Amino acid sequence: MFSFLPSWKSWIRVIVLMLGISTLSNAQNDVMMQAFYWDVPVDNQNLNGSWWDTLSAKASGMKSAGFTGIWVPAPSKGNFGIWDMGYGIYDHYDLGNYNQKGTTETRFGSRSELESMISTMHQSPKIEVYADIVLNHIYTGDDNAESNPAVKQYVFDEAYRSGQQYQAYPTNEIVWKIPNAAPGDYYVQIKGYLLDWGASYTQRGYDVSIDWTGAGPNGGTNWESEYNNGGGSFNTFPGSGQTVRGHMNYSGDIDEYKVSVSSTHDIEIRLIARREDTSNGWEWAWADQANGYYPTAVWYNGSNLANSTLQAQTNTSVTYPTHTGTGEPNYSWNYTNFHPVN
């Protein structure tokens, strides 16, 4: 009787087959359910989230159906409080137990309801709970606004730093403000930068809204009219809180708007990058906000306030309630923690 050793390739096949059989024999049929959907129910009137309680009530049925895991949304407090679906993260350590952004509970409920839901899921037969965790950003609102000299300088340098060209700061994320503007005429000059000057001017549009009474947007929309180049020709702004649509016709183009302030008040200038879209009729469409626009000058009584009192305001001032949980840090942030490229 003869025996022989198989080739090394044959041995590998045998080992792989044996490992495969071993793996199959120990396999478990784990099934995860996405245990949420967008805009889950919430009691807006009473600022009460109920989704954690809903999942607790459904735990028995999910276990009977054979589910071994559930995927839940980001549980932290979002910028929009009770209405936030969890992905506009504001405070990672607020799981529905701190009163901020207009509510204590999140859209899904309180921290105690979250802990109760997890405890219910972990009772035998156990369902693992997997939560989305968003770590690389936070979402803030106008109540977090502050003057940001770093962003102002970055924009006025047109995103050029240390011999290198960077991307424009998002146009729509800055509110340009002149605090306590005295009565009189102001001439606001708008400039574009890092635009596609080789494209049609229709792709270099913008909205400019100016409020000098504090009344806020009033829905009025108008078009810039030419001749308007900042060299002595200007458009009179149609009214506080209104919006004017304009274009940057060529590199170096300046659009100028006259604002007449009757009593001392802040002047707020908001810009949004736009473009004309003719793919399906005509639309004044949202554009990439890396198309840069800013008030390059604001003239008042012969002085350019852009060099002095004009502020670039960003929503970067964040102060949280005192965190009292074990291992929860207490800190605050301002623009120095969010500044663009040095």
C-alpha atoms as a PDB file:
ATOM      1  CA  MET A   1       0.000   0.000   0.000  1.00  0.00           C
ATOM      2  CA  PHE A   2       1.393   3.328  -0.972  1.00  0.00           C
ATOM      3  CA  SER A   3       0.794   6.674   0.759  1.00  0.00           C
ATOM      4  CA  PHE A   4       1.644  10.125  -0.421  1.00  0.00           C
ATOM      5  CA  LEU A   5       1.587  13.718   0.811  1.00  0.00           C
ATOM      6  CA  PRO A   6      -0.638  16.024  -1.195  1.00  0.00           C
ATOM      7  CA  SER A   7       0.827  19.181  -2.680  1.00  0.00           C
ATOM      8  CA  TRP A   8       0.894  22.375  -0.541  1.00  0.00           C
ATOM      9  CA  LYS A   9      -1.971  23.773  -2.623  1.00  0.00           C
ATOM     10  CA  SER A  10      -4.099  20.760  -1.718  1.00  0.00           C
ATOM     11  CA  TRP A  11      -3.324  21.237   1.978  1.00  0.00           C
ATOM     12  CA  ILE A  12      -4.434  24.884   1.770  1.00  0.00           C
ATOM     13  CA  ARG A  13      -7.712  23.799   0.179  1.00  0.00           C
ATOM     14  CA  VAL A  14      -8.316  21.312   3.001  1.00  0.00           C
ATOM     15  CA  ILE A  15      -7.504  23.872   5.708  1.00  0.00           C
ATOM     16  CA  VAL A  16      -9.764  26.517   4.149  1.00  0.00           C
ATOM     17  CA  LEU A  17     -12.580  23.964   3.850  1.00  0.00           C
ATOM     18  CA  MET A  18     -12.179  22.947   7.495  1.00  0.00           C
ATOM     19  CA  LEU A  19     -12.136  26.567   8.648  1.00  0.00           C
ATOM     20  CA  GLY A  20     -15.244  27.252   6.600  1.00  0.00           C
ATOM     21  CA  ILE A  21     -17.079  24.314   8.170  1.00  0.00           C
ATOM     22  CA  SER A  22     -15.989  25.451  11.640  1.00  0.00           C
ATOM     23  CA  THR A  23     -17.182  29.002  10.989  1.00  0.00           C
ATOM     24  CA  LEU A  24     -20.524  27.816   9.670  1.00  0.00           C
ATOM     25  CA  SER A  25     -21.073  25.571  12.661  1.00  0.00           C
ATOM     26  CA  ASN A  26     -20.641  28.540  15.031  1.00  0.00           C
ATOM     27  CA  ALA A  27     -22.506  31.122  12.950  1.00  0.00           C
ATOM     28  CA  GLN A  28     -25.359  33.075  14.478  1.00  0.00           C
ATOM     29  CA  ASN A  29     -28.184  34.529  12.448  1.00  0.00           C
ATOM     30  CA  ASP A  30     -27.975  38.118  13.695  1.00  0.00           C
ATOM     31  CA  VAL A  31     -30.535  40.505  12.256  1.00  0.00           C
ATOM     32  CA  MET A  32     -30.517  44.258  12.851  1.00  0.00           C
ATOM     33  CA  MET A  33     -33.516  46.532  12.382  1.00  0.00           C
ATOM     34  CA  GLN A  34     -33.304  50.212  11.518  1.00  0.00           C
ATOM     35  CA  ALA A  35     -35.454  51.319  14.427  1.00  0.00           C
ATOM     36  CA  PHE A  36     -36.317  54.827  13.257  1.00  0.00           C
ATOM     37  CA  TYR A  37     -37.347  56.806  10.219  1.00  0.00           C
ATOM     38  CA  TRP A  38     -37.098  60.471   9.339  1.00  0.00           C
ATOM     39  CA  ASP A  39     -39.448  62.754  11.282  1.00  0.00           C
ATOM     40  CA  VAL A  40     -40.591  60.213  13.858  1.00  0.00           C
ATOM     41  CA  PRO A  41     -43.620  61.477  15.840  1.00  0.00           C
ATOM     42  CA  VAL A  42     -43.088  64.167  18.469  1.00  0.00           C
ATOM     43  CA  ASP A  43     -45.397  66.195  20.708  1.00  0.00           C
ATOM     44  CA  ASN A  44     -44.482  69.719  19.608  1.00  0.00           C
ATOM     45  CA  GLN A  45     -46.994  71.437  21.864  1.00  0.00           C
ATOM     46  CA  ASN A  46     -45.782  69.823  25.082  1.00  0.00           C
ATOM     47  CA  LEU A  47     -42.131  69.543  23.951  1.00  0.00           C
ATOM     48  CA  ASN A  48     -42.229  65.821  24.583  1.00  0.00           C
ATOM     49  CA  GLY A  49     -40.363  63.157  22.627  1.00  0.00           C
ATOM     50  CA  SER A  50     -41.776  59.639  22.776  1.00  0.00           C
ATOM     51  CA  TRP A  51     -39.699  57.498  20.420  1.00  0.00           C
ATOM     52  CA  TRP A  52     -37.594  55.782  23.104  1.00  0.00           C
ATOM     53  CA  ASP A  53     -40.851  54.767  24.831  1.00  0.00           C
ATOM     54  CA  THR A  54     -42.229  53.543  21.495  1.00  0.00           C
ATOM     55  CA  LEU A  55     -39.214  51.266  21.020  1.00  0.00           C
ATOM     56  CA  SER A  56     -39.519  49.975  24.582  1.00  0.00           C
ATOM     57  CA  ALA A  57     -43.127  49.008  23.896  1.00  0.00           C
ATOM     58  CA  LYS A  58     -42.110  47.178  20.723  1.00  0.00           C
ATOM     59  CA  ALA A  59     -39.161  45.323  22.281  1.00  0.00           C
ATOM     60  CA  SER A  60     -41.078  42.102  22.995  1.00  0.00           C
ATOM     61  CA  GLY A  61     -42.387  41.894  19.444  1.00  0.00           C
ATOM     62  CA  MET A  62     -38.946  42.504  17.956  1.00  0.00           C
ATOM     63  CA  LYS A  63     -37.436  39.776  20.122  1.00  0.00           C
ATOM     64  CA  SER A  64     -40.147  37.326  19.123  1.00  0.00           C
ATOM     65  CA  ALA A  65     -39.493  38.159  15.477  1.00  0.00           C
ATOM     66  CA  GLY A  66     -35.830  37.224  15.919  1.00  0.00           C
ATOM     67  CA  PHE A  67     -34.143  40.609  15.838  1.00  0.00           C
ATOM     68  CA  THR A  68     -30.844  40.710  17.715  1.00  0.00           C
ATOM     69  CA  GLY A  69     -29.922  44.350  17.177  1.00  0.00           C
ATOM     70  CA  ILE A  70     -31.494  47.735  16.529  1.00  0.00           C
ATOM     71  CA  TRP A  71     -29.995  50.834  14.976  1.00  0.00           C
ATOM     72  CA  VAL A  72     -31.139  54.099  16.555  1.00  0.00           C
ATOM     73  CA  PRO A  73     -30.489  57.719  15.535  1.00  0.00           C
ATOM     74  CA  ALA A  74     -27.905  60.024  17.082  1.00  0.00           C
ATOM     75  CA  PRO A  75     -29.317  60.531  20.605  1.00  0.00           C
ATOM     76  CA  SER A  76     -27.681  63.880  21.456  1.00  0.00           C
ATOM     77  CA  LYS A  77     -29.404  67.284  21.546  1.00  0.00           C
ATOM     78  CA  GLY A  78     -29.584  68.930  18.136  1.00  0.00           C
ATOM     79  CA  ASN A  79     -29.573  72.607  17.241  1.00  0.00           C
ATOM     80  CA  PHE A  80     -33.325  72.546  16.600  1.00  0.00           C
ATOM     81  CA  GLY A  81     -34.188  71.044  19.973  1.00  0.00           C
ATOM     82  CA  ILE A  82     -37.341  68.935  20.047  1.00  0.00           C
ATOM     83  CA  TRP A  83     -37.681  69.165  16.253  1.00  0.00           C
ATOM     84  CA  ASP A  84     -34.144  67.972  15.443  1.00  0.00           C
ATOM     85  CA  MET A  85     -33.740  64.421  14.116  1.00  0.00           C
ATOM     86  CA  GLY A  86     -30.433  64.162  15.947  1.00  0.00           C
ATOM     87  CA  TYR A  87     -28.040  64.875  13.099  1.00  0.00           C
ATOM     88  CA  GLY A  88     -27.780  68.634  13.640  1.00  0.00           C
ATOM     89  CA  ILE A  89     -25.650  67.858  16.706  1.00  0.00           C
ATOM     90  CA  TYR A  90     -25.352  70.720  19.182  1.00  0.00           C
ATOM     91  CA  ASP A  91     -24.300  69.134  22.503  1.00  0.00           C
ATOM     92  CA  HIS A  92     -22.901  65.608  22.462  1.00  0.00           C
ATOM     93  CA  TYR A  93     -23.363  65.263  26.235  1.00  0.00           C
ATOM     94  CA  ASP A  94     -27.020  66.268  26.277  1.00  0.00           C
ATOM     95  CA  LEU A  95     -29.083  63.105  25.851  1.00  0.00           C
ATOM     96  CA  GLY A  96     -32.337  64.803  26.770  1.00  0.00           C
ATOM     97  CA  ASN A  97     -31.437  65.934  30.281  1.00  0.00           C
ATOM     98  CA  TYR A  98     -30.328  69.583  29.895  1.00  0.00           C
ATOM     99  CA  ASN A  99     -32.593  72.514  29.098  1.00  0.00           C
ATOM    100  CA  GLN A 100     -31.201  74.216  25.998  1.00  0.00           C
ATOM    101  CA  LYS A 101     -32.268  75.005  22.449  1.00  0.00           C
ATOM    102  CA  GLY A 102     -35.804  75.500  23.736  1.00  0.00           C
ATOM    103  CA  THR A 103     -36.326  72.092  25.309  1.00  0.00           C
ATOM    104  CA  THR A 104     -34.993  69.510  27.726  1.00  0.00           C
ATOM    105  CA  GLU A 105     -35.989  66.358  25.849  1.00  0.00           C
ATOM    106  CA  THR A 106     -34.686  65.476  22.409  1.00  0.00           C
ATOM    107  CA  ARG A 107     -37.072  64.516  19.626  1.00  0.00           C
ATOM    108  CA  PHE A 108     -36.834  60.953  20.913  1.00  0.00           C
ATOM    109  CA  GLY A 109     -37.400  61.597  24.618  1.00  0.00           C
ATOM    110  CA  SER A 110     -35.471  62.079  27.836  1.00  0.00           C
ATOM    111  CA  ARG A 111     -32.201  60.533  28.926  1.00  0.00           C
ATOM    112  CA  SER A 112     -34.024  58.387  31.495  1.00  0.00           C
ATOM    113  CA  GLU A 113     -36.349  57.093  28.754  1.00  0.00           C
ATOM    114  CA  LEU A 114     -33.307  56.291  26.597  1.00  0.00           C
ATOM    115  CA  GLU A 115     -31.674  54.364  29.442  1.00  0.00           C
ATOM    116  CA  SER A 116     -34.941  52.537  30.149  1.00  0.00           C
ATOM    117  CA  MET A 117     -35.249  51.539  26.486  1.00  0.00           C
ATOM    118  CA  ILE A 118     -31.696  50.170  26.433  1.00  0.00           C
ATOM    119  CA  SER A 119     -32.348  48.224  29.643  1.00  0.00           C
ATOM    120  CA  THR A 120     -35.514  46.721  28.153  1.00  0.00           C
ATOM    121  CA  MET A 121     -33.693  45.706  24.979  1.00  0.00           C
ATOM    122  CA  HIS A 122     -30.894  44.077  26.979  1.00  0.00           C
ATOM    123  CA  GLN A 123     -33.236  41.787  28.885  1.00  0.00           C
ATOM    124  CA  SER A 124     -33.062  38.192  27.646  1.00  0.00           C
ATOM    125  CA  PRO A 125     -33.295  37.459  24.792  1.00  0.00           C
ATOM    126  CA  LYS A 126     -30.949  40.401  24.343  1.00  0.00           C
ATOM    127  CA  ILE A 127     -31.202  42.976  21.580  1.00  0.00           C
ATOM    128  CA  GLU A 128     -28.052  45.041  21.115  1.00  0.00           C
ATOM    129  CA  VAL A 129     -28.589  48.792  20.660  1.00  0.00           C
ATOM    130  CA  TYR A 130     -26.364  50.550  18.107  1.00  0.00           C
ATOM    131  CA  ALA A 131     -26.549  54.352  18.009  1.00  0.00           C
ATOM    132  CA  ASP A 132     -25.345  56.685  15.290  1.00  0.00           C
ATOM    133  CA  ILE A 133     -22.655  58.928  16.761  1.00  0.00           C
ATOM    134  CA  VAL A 134     -21.679  62.124  14.933  1.00  0.00           C
ATOM    135  CA  LEU A 135     -18.321  63.387  16.186  1.00  0.00           C
ATOM    136  CA  ASN A 136     -16.853  65.604  13.491  1.00  0.00           C
ATOM    137  CA  HIS A 137     -19.177  68.596  13.578  1.00  0.00           C
ATOM    138  CA  ILE A 138     -21.698  70.576  15.570  1.00  0.00           C
ATOM    139  CA  TYR A 139     -24.643  72.614  14.314  1.00  0.00           C
ATOM    140  CA  THR A 140     -25.312  76.058  15.754  1.00  0.00           C
ATOM    141  CA  GLY A 141     -27.859  78.828  15.222  1.00  0.00           C
ATOM    142  CA  ASP A 142     -28.139  82.602  15.208  1.00  0.00           C
ATOM    143  CA  ASP A 143     -28.306  82.573  19.010  1.00  0.00           C
ATOM    144  CA  ASN A 144     -24.635  81.519  18.862  1.00  0.00           C
ATOM    145  CA  ALA A 145     -23.549  84.515  16.754  1.00  0.00           C
ATOM    146  CA  GLU A 146     -20.400  86.488  17.552  1.00  0.00           C
ATOM    147  CA  SER A 147     -17.999  88.841  15.807  1.00  0.00           C
ATOM    148  CA  ASN A 148     -15.305  86.771  14.100  1.00  0.00           C
ATOM    149  CA  PRO A 149     -12.226  88.803  13.135  1.00  0.00           C
ATOM    150  CA  ALA A 150     -10.416  85.671  11.899  1.00  0.00           C
ATOM    151  CA  VAL A 151     -13.104  84.972   9.302  1.00  0.00           C
ATOM    152  CA  LYS A 152     -13.301  88.649   8.340  1.00  0.00           C
ATOM    153  CA  GLN A 153      -9.579  88.749   7.599  1.00  0.00           C
ATOM    154  CA  TYR A 154      -9.726  85.422   5.761  1.00  0.00           C
ATOM    155  CA  VAL A 155     -12.495  86.700   3.483  1.00  0.00           C
ATOM    156  CA  PHE A 156     -10.888  90.091   2.887  1.00  0.00           C
ATOM    157  CA  ASP A 157      -7.700  88.219   1.965  1.00  0.00           C
ATOM    158  CA  GLU A 158      -9.931  86.240  -0.420  1.00  0.00           C
ATOM    159  CA  ALA A 159      -8.830  82.937   1.120  1.00  0.00           C
ATOM    160  CA  TYR A 160      -5.174  83.445   0.213  1.00  0.00           C
ATOM    161  CA  ARG A 161      -2.745  82.339   2.917  1.00  0.00           C
ATOM    162  CA  SER A 162       1.047  81.960   2.961  1.00  0.00           C
ATOM    163  CA  GLY A 163       1.351  81.821  -0.797  1.00  0.00           C
ATOM    164  CA  GLN A 164      -1.468  79.303  -1.187  1.00  0.00           C
ATOM    165  CA  GLN A 165      -5.024  79.743  -2.445  1.00  0.00           C
ATOM    166  CA  TYR A 166      -7.681  78.102  -0.286  1.00  0.00           C
ATOM    167  CA  GLN A 167     -11.434  77.738  -0.706  1.00  0.00           C
ATOM    168  CA  ALA A 168     -13.741  80.664  -0.018  1.00  0.00           C
ATOM    169  CA  TYR A 169     -15.452  80.721   3.361  1.00  0.00           C
ATOM    170  CA  PRO A 170     -19.115  79.713   2.794  1.00  0.00           C
ATOM    171  CA  THR A 171     -20.890  82.879   1.692  1.00  0.00           C
ATOM    172  CA  ASN A 172     -24.169  82.091   3.447  1.00  0.00           C
ATOM    173  CA  GLU A 173     -22.532  81.383   6.819  1.00  0.00           C
ATOM    174  CA  ILE A 174     -21.562  84.993   7.519  1.00  0.00           C
ATOM    175  CA  VAL A 175     -23.763  87.878   8.638  1.00  0.00           C
ATOM    176  CA  TRP A 176     -21.995  91.170   7.988  1.00  0.00           C
ATOM    177  CA  LYS A 177     -22.916  93.695  10.653  1.00  0.00           C
ATOM    178  CA  ILE A 178     -22.363  97.372  11.415  1.00  0.00           C
ATOM    179  CA  PRO A 179     -23.399  97.798  15.062  1.00  0.00           C
ATOM    180  CA  ASN A 180     -25.307 100.928  16.059  1.00  0.00           C
ATOM    181  CA  ALA A 181     -25.142 102.529  12.639  1.00  0.00           C
ATOM    182  CA  ALA A 182     -25.863 106.256  12.911  1.00  0.00           C
ATOM    183  CA  PRO A 183     -28.503 107.920  10.722  1.00  0.00           C
ATOM    184  CA  GLY A 184     -27.373 108.751   7.210  1.00  0.00           C
ATOM    185  CA  ASP A 185     -26.561 107.236   3.834  1.00  0.00           C
ATOM    186  CA  TYR A 186     -24.407 104.122   3.542  1.00  0.00           C
ATOM    187  CA  TYR A 187     -22.962 102.801   0.282  1.00  0.00           C
ATOM    188  CA  VAL A 188     -22.441  99.035   0.401  1.00  0.00           C
ATOM    189  CA  GLN A 189     -20.143  97.598  -2.274  1.00  0.00           C
ATOM    190  CA  ILE A 190     -20.425  93.865  -3.024  1.00  0.00           C
ATOM    191  CA  LYS A 191     -17.576  91.930  -4.617  1.00  0.00           C
ATOM    192  CA  GLY A 192     -17.218  88.326  -5.774  1.00  0.00           C
ATOM    193  CA  TYR A 193     -14.091  86.197  -5.454  1.00  0.00           C
ATOM    194  CA  LEU A 194     -13.024  82.703  -6.476  1.00  0.00           C
ATOM    195  CA  LEU A 195     -15.816  82.625  -9.042  1.00  0.00           C
ATOM    196  CA  ASP A 196     -15.733  80.867 -12.405  1.00  0.00           C
ATOM    197  CA  TRP A 197     -14.936  83.860 -14.575  1.00  0.00           C
ATOM    198  CA  GLY A 198     -14.857  81.671 -17.676  1.00  0.00           C
ATOM    199  CA  ALA A 199     -18.504  80.682 -17.303  1.00  0.00           C
ATOM    200  CA  SER A 200     -21.558  82.683 -18.292  1.00  0.00           C
ATOM    201  CA  TYR A 201     -22.360  85.531 -15.903  1.00  0.00           C
ATOM    202  CA  THR A 202     -25.641  83.697 -15.205  1.00  0.00           C
ATOM    203  CA  GLN A 203     -23.611  81.265 -13.093  1.00  0.00           C
ATOM    204  CA  ARG A 204     -22.246  84.079 -10.917  1.00  0.00           C
ATOM    205  CA  GLY A 205     -25.406  85.215  -9.165  1.00  0.00           C
ATOM    206  CA  TYR A 206     -26.053  86.266  -5.599  1.00  0.00           C
ATOM    207  CA  ASP A 207     -28.778  87.412  -3.227  1.00  0.00           C
ATOM    208  CA  VAL A 208     -28.066  90.344  -0.944  1.00  0.00           C
ATOM    209  CA  SER A 209     -30.457  91.115   1.921  1.00  0.00           C
ATOM    210  CA  ILE A 210     -29.953  94.220   4.053  1.00  0.00           C
ATOM    211  CA  ASP A 211     -31.853  94.941   7.265  1.00  0.00           C
ATOM    212  CA  TRP A 212     -31.405  98.281   9.036  1.00  0.00           C
ATOM    213  CA  THR A 213     -34.620  98.412  11.079  1.00  0.00           C
ATOM    214  CA  GLY A 214     -34.590  95.022  12.831  1.00  0.00           C
ATOM    215  CA  ALA A 215     -37.888  94.024  11.250  1.00  0.00           C
ATOM    216  CA  GLY A 216     -36.299  91.022   9.529  1.00  0.00           C
ATOM    217  CA  PRO A 217     -37.008  89.661   6.036  1.00  0.00           C
ATOM    218  CA  ASN A 218     -40.222  90.946   4.472  1.00  0.00           C
ATOM    219  CA  GLY A 219     -40.298  88.758   1.379  1.00  0.00           C
ATOM    220  CA  GLY A 220     -39.619  91.530  -1.104  1.00  0.00           C
ATOM    221  CA  THR A 221     -37.378  90.510  -4.014  1.00  0.00           C
ATOM    222  CA  ASN A 222     -35.902  92.822  -6.635  1.00  0.00           C
ATOM    223  CA  TRP A 223     -33.273  92.722  -9.359  1.00  0.00           C
ATOM    224  CA  GLU A 224     -30.095  94.731  -9.489  1.00  0.00           C
ATOM    225  CA  SER A 225     -30.162  97.198 -12.363  1.00  0.00           C
ATOM    226  CA  GLU A 226     -27.191  98.298 -14.417  1.00  0.00           C
ATOM    227  CA  TYR A 227     -25.311 100.600 -14.744  1.00  0.00           C
ATOM    228  CA  ASN A 228     -23.980  99.708 -11.279  1.00  0.00           C
ATOM    229  CA  ASN A 229     -20.232  99.380 -10.850  1.00  0.00           C
ATOM    230  CA  GLY A 230     -19.246 101.017  -7.574  1.00  0.00           C
ATOM    231  CA  GLY A 231     -17.545 103.863  -9.386  1.00  0.00           C
ATOM    232  CA  GLY A 232     -20.181 106.458  -8.638  1.00  0.00           C
ATOM    233  CA  SER A 233     -23.148 104.497  -9.978  1.00  0.00           C
ATOM    234  CA  PHE A 234     -25.310 102.569  -7.520  1.00  0.00           C
ATOM    235  CA  ASN A 235     -28.749 101.107  -6.876  1.00  0.00           C
ATOM    236  CA  THR A 236     -30.876 102.476  -4.056  1.00  0.00           C
ATOM    237  CA  PHE A 237     -31.770  99.499  -1.891  1.00  0.00           C
ATOM    238  CA  PRO A 238     -35.557  99.001  -2.111  1.00  0.00           C
ATOM    239  CA  GLY A 239     -36.256  98.675   1.614  1.00  0.00           C
ATOM    240  CA  SER A 240     -35.076  97.212   4.895  1.00  0.00           C
ATOM    241  CA  GLY A 241     -35.384  93.427   4.970  1.00  0.00           C
ATOM    242  CA  GLN A 242     -35.774  93.077   1.223  1.00  0.00           C
ATOM    243  CA  THR A 243     -33.585  91.024  -1.115  1.00  0.00           C
ATOM    244  CA  VAL A 244     -31.880  92.057  -4.330  1.00  0.00           C
ATOM    245  CA  ARG A 245     -30.720  89.537  -6.923  1.00  0.00           C
ATOM    246  CA  GLY A 246     -27.557  90.411  -8.784  1.00  0.00           C
ATOM    247  CA  HIS A 247     -24.708  89.080 -10.923  1.00  0.00           C
ATOM    248  CA  MET A 248     -20.975  89.556 -11.067  1.00  0.00           C
ATOM    249  CA  ASN A 249     -20.549  90.303 -14.753  1.00  0.00           C
ATOM    250  CA  TYR A 250     -16.755  90.171 -14.923  1.00  0.00           C
ATOM    251  CA  SER A 251     -13.672  89.861 -12.741  1.00  0.00           C
ATOM    252  CA  GLY A 252     -13.327  93.043 -10.727  1.00  0.00           C
ATOM    253  CA  ASP A 253     -17.025  93.901 -11.011  1.00  0.00           C
ATOM    254  CA  ILE A 254     -18.430  95.795  -8.020  1.00  0.00           C
ATOM    255  CA  ASP A 255     -22.134  96.215  -7.256  1.00  0.00           C
ATOM    256  CA  GLU A 256     -23.032  99.149  -5.017  1.00  0.00           C
ATOM    257  CA  TYR A 257     -26.206  99.730  -3.002  1.00  0.00           C
ATOM    258  CA  LYS A 258     -27.302 102.852  -1.163  1.00  0.00           C
ATOM    259  CA  VAL A 259     -28.951 102.348   2.221  1.00  0.00           C
ATOM    260  CA  SER A 260     -30.589 105.289   4.011  1.00  0.00           C
ATOM    261  CA  VAL A 261     -30.797 104.831   7.789  1.00  0.00           C
ATOM    262  CA  SER A 262     -33.257 107.137   9.563  1.00  0.00           C
ATOM    263  CA  SER A 263     -32.438 106.240  13.179  1.00  0.00           C
ATOM    264  CA  THR A 264     -29.556 104.531  14.957  1.00  0.00           C
ATOM    265  CA  HIS A 265     -29.718 100.781  14.408  1.00  0.00           C
ATOM    266  CA  ASP A 266     -27.579  97.798  13.442  1.00  0.00           C
ATOM    267  CA  ILE A 267     -27.153  97.177   9.722  1.00  0.00           C
ATOM    268  CA  GLU A 268     -27.084  93.474   8.821  1.00  0.00           C
ATOM    269  CA  ILE A 269     -25.994  92.267   5.383  1.00  0.00           C
ATOM    270  CA  ARG A 270     -26.617  88.670   4.320  1.00  0.00           C
ATOM    271  CA  LEU A 271     -25.351  87.144   1.079  1.00  0.00           C
ATOM    272  CA  ILE A 272     -26.163  83.858  -0.660  1.00  0.00           C
ATOM    273  CA  ALA A 273     -24.457  82.504  -3.783  1.00  0.00           C
ATOM    274  CA  ARG A 274     -26.952  81.802  -6.580  1.00  0.00           C
ATOM    275  CA  ARG A 275     -27.019  80.788 -10.234  1.00  0.00           C
ATOM    276  CA  GLU A 276     -29.508  80.664 -13.075  1.00  0.00           C
ATOM    277  CA  ASP A 277     -30.605  77.112 -13.854  1.00  0.00           C
ATOM    278  CA  THR A 278     -32.284  76.522 -17.216  1.00  0.00           C
ATOM    279  CA  SER A 279     -32.227  72.715 -17.168  1.00  0.00           C
ATOM    280  CA  ASN A 280     -35.972  72.606 -16.511  1.00  0.00           C
ATOM    281  CA  GLY A 281     -37.418  75.965 -17.412  1.00  0.00           C
ATOM    282  CA  TRP A 282     -35.795  78.740 -15.391  1.00  0.00           C
ATOM    283  CA  GLU A 283     -34.862  78.809 -11.723  1.00  0.00           C
ATOM    284  CA  TRP A 284     -32.874  81.151  -9.487  1.00  0.00           C
ATOM    285  CA  ALA A 285     -31.051  78.234  -7.943  1.00  0.00           C
ATOM    286  CA  TRP A 286     -28.872  77.655  -4.928  1.00  0.00           C
ATOM    287  CA  ALA A 287     -25.191  77.655  -5.874  1.00  0.00           C
ATOM    288  CA  ASP A 288     -22.059  76.300  -4.265  1.00  0.00           C
ATOM    289  CA  GLN A 289     -21.480  78.610  -1.300  1.00  0.00           C
ATOM    290  CA  ALA A 290     -17.746  78.370  -2.006  1.00  0.00           C
ATOM    291  CA  ASN A 291     -18.586  80.979  -4.649  1.00  0.00           C
ATOM    292  CA  GLY A 292     -17.397  83.885  -2.542  1.00  0.00           C
ATOM    293  CA  TYR A 293     -19.229  87.203  -2.068  1.00  0.00           C
ATOM    294  CA  TYR A 294     -18.606  89.882   0.541  1.00  0.00           C
ATOM    295  CA  PRO A 295     -19.030  93.630   1.232  1.00  0.00           C
ATOM    296  CA  THR A 296     -15.601  94.844   0.173  1.00  0.00           C
ATOM    297  CA  ALA A 297     -16.435  98.406   1.272  1.00  0.00           C
ATOM    298  CA  VAL A 298     -19.131 100.258   3.217  1.00  0.00           C
ATOM    299  CA  TRP A 299     -18.840 104.025   2.782  1.00  0.00           C
ATOM    300  CA  TYR A 300     -20.326 106.460   5.281  1.00  0.00           C
ATOM    301  CA  ASN A 301     -19.493 110.175   5.416  1.00  0.00           C
ATOM    302  CA  GLY A 302     -16.306 109.602   3.436  1.00  0.00           C
ATOM    303  CA  SER A 303     -15.034 106.736   5.630  1.00  0.00           C
ATOM    304  CA  ASN A 304     -14.821 103.078   4.662  1.00  0.00           C
ATOM    305  CA  LEU A 305     -16.347 101.205   7.603  1.00  0.00           C
ATOM    306  CA  ALA A 306     -15.168  97.879   6.172  1.00  0.00           C
ATOM    307  CA  ASN A 307     -11.756  98.756   7.601  1.00  0.00           C
ATOM    308  CA  SER A 308     -13.111  99.445  11.077  1.00  0.00           C
ATOM    309  CA  THR A 309     -16.584  98.760  12.452  1.00  0.00           C
ATOM    310  CA  LEU A 310     -17.846  96.191   9.934  1.00  0.00           C
ATOM    311  CA  GLN A 311     -18.055  92.777  11.609  1.00  0.00           C
ATOM    312  CA  ALA A 312     -18.155  89.287  10.137  1.00  0.00           C
ATOM    313  CA  GLN A 313     -20.499  87.393  12.442  1.00  0.00           C
ATOM    314  CA  THR A 314     -20.471  83.607  12.597  1.00  0.00           C
ATOM    315  CA  ASN A 315     -22.423  81.189  14.793  1.00  0.00           C
ATOM    316  CA  THR A 316     -19.368  80.065  16.738  1.00  0.00           C
ATOM    317  CA  SER A 317     -20.079  81.225  20.302  1.00  0.00           C
ATOM    318  CA  VAL A 318     -21.124  78.095  22.192  1.00  0.00           C
ATOM    319  CA  THR A 319     -21.727  77.957  25.945  1.00  0.00           C
ATOM    320  CA  TYR A 320     -23.399  74.842  27.314  1.00  0.00           C
ATOM    321  CA  PRO A 321     -25.306  74.352  30.566  1.00  0.00           C
ATOM    322  CA  THR A 322     -23.219  72.890  33.376  1.00  0.00           C
ATOM    323  CA  HIS A 323     -22.809  69.189  32.670  1.00  0.00           C
ATOM    324  CA  THR A 324     -23.274  67.184  35.850  1.00  0.00           C
ATOM    325  CA  GLY A 325     -22.875  63.604  34.633  1.00  0.00           C
ATOM    326  CA  THR A 326     -19.872  61.428  35.412  1.00  0.00           C
ATOM    327  CA  GLY A 327     -17.093  62.074  32.920  1.00  0.00           C
ATOM    328  CA  GLU A 328     -18.972  64.907  31.193  1.00  0.00           C
ATOM    329  CA  PRO A 329     -16.633  67.850  30.552  1.00  0.00           C
ATOM    330  CA  ASN A 330     -17.672  71.475  30.867  1.00  0.00           C
ATOM    331  CA  TYR A 331     -16.347  73.848  28.265  1.00  0.00           C
ATOM    332  CA  SER A 332     -17.296  76.654  25.910  1.00  0.00           C
ATOM    333  CA  TRP A 333     -16.185  77.484  22.396  1.00  0.00           C
ATOM    334  CA  ASN A 334     -15.723  80.661  20.391  1.00  0.00           C
ATOM    335  CA  TYR A 335     -14.374  81.593  16.977  1.00  0.00           C
ATOM    336  CA  THR A 336     -10.792  80.727  17.967  1.00  0.00           C
ATOM    337  CA  ASN A 337     -11.845  77.069  18.040  1.00  0.00           C
ATOM    338  CA  PHE A 338     -13.399  77.231  14.574  1.00  0.00           C
ATOM    339  CA  HIS A 339     -11.212  79.650  12.644  1.00  0.00           C
ATOM    340  CA  PRO A 340     -10.306  78.920   9.026  1.00  0.00           C
ATOM    341  CA  VAL A 341      -6.757  78.403   7.766  1.00  0.00           C
ATOM    342  CA  ASN A 342      -4.209  80.445   9.751  1.00  0.00           C
END
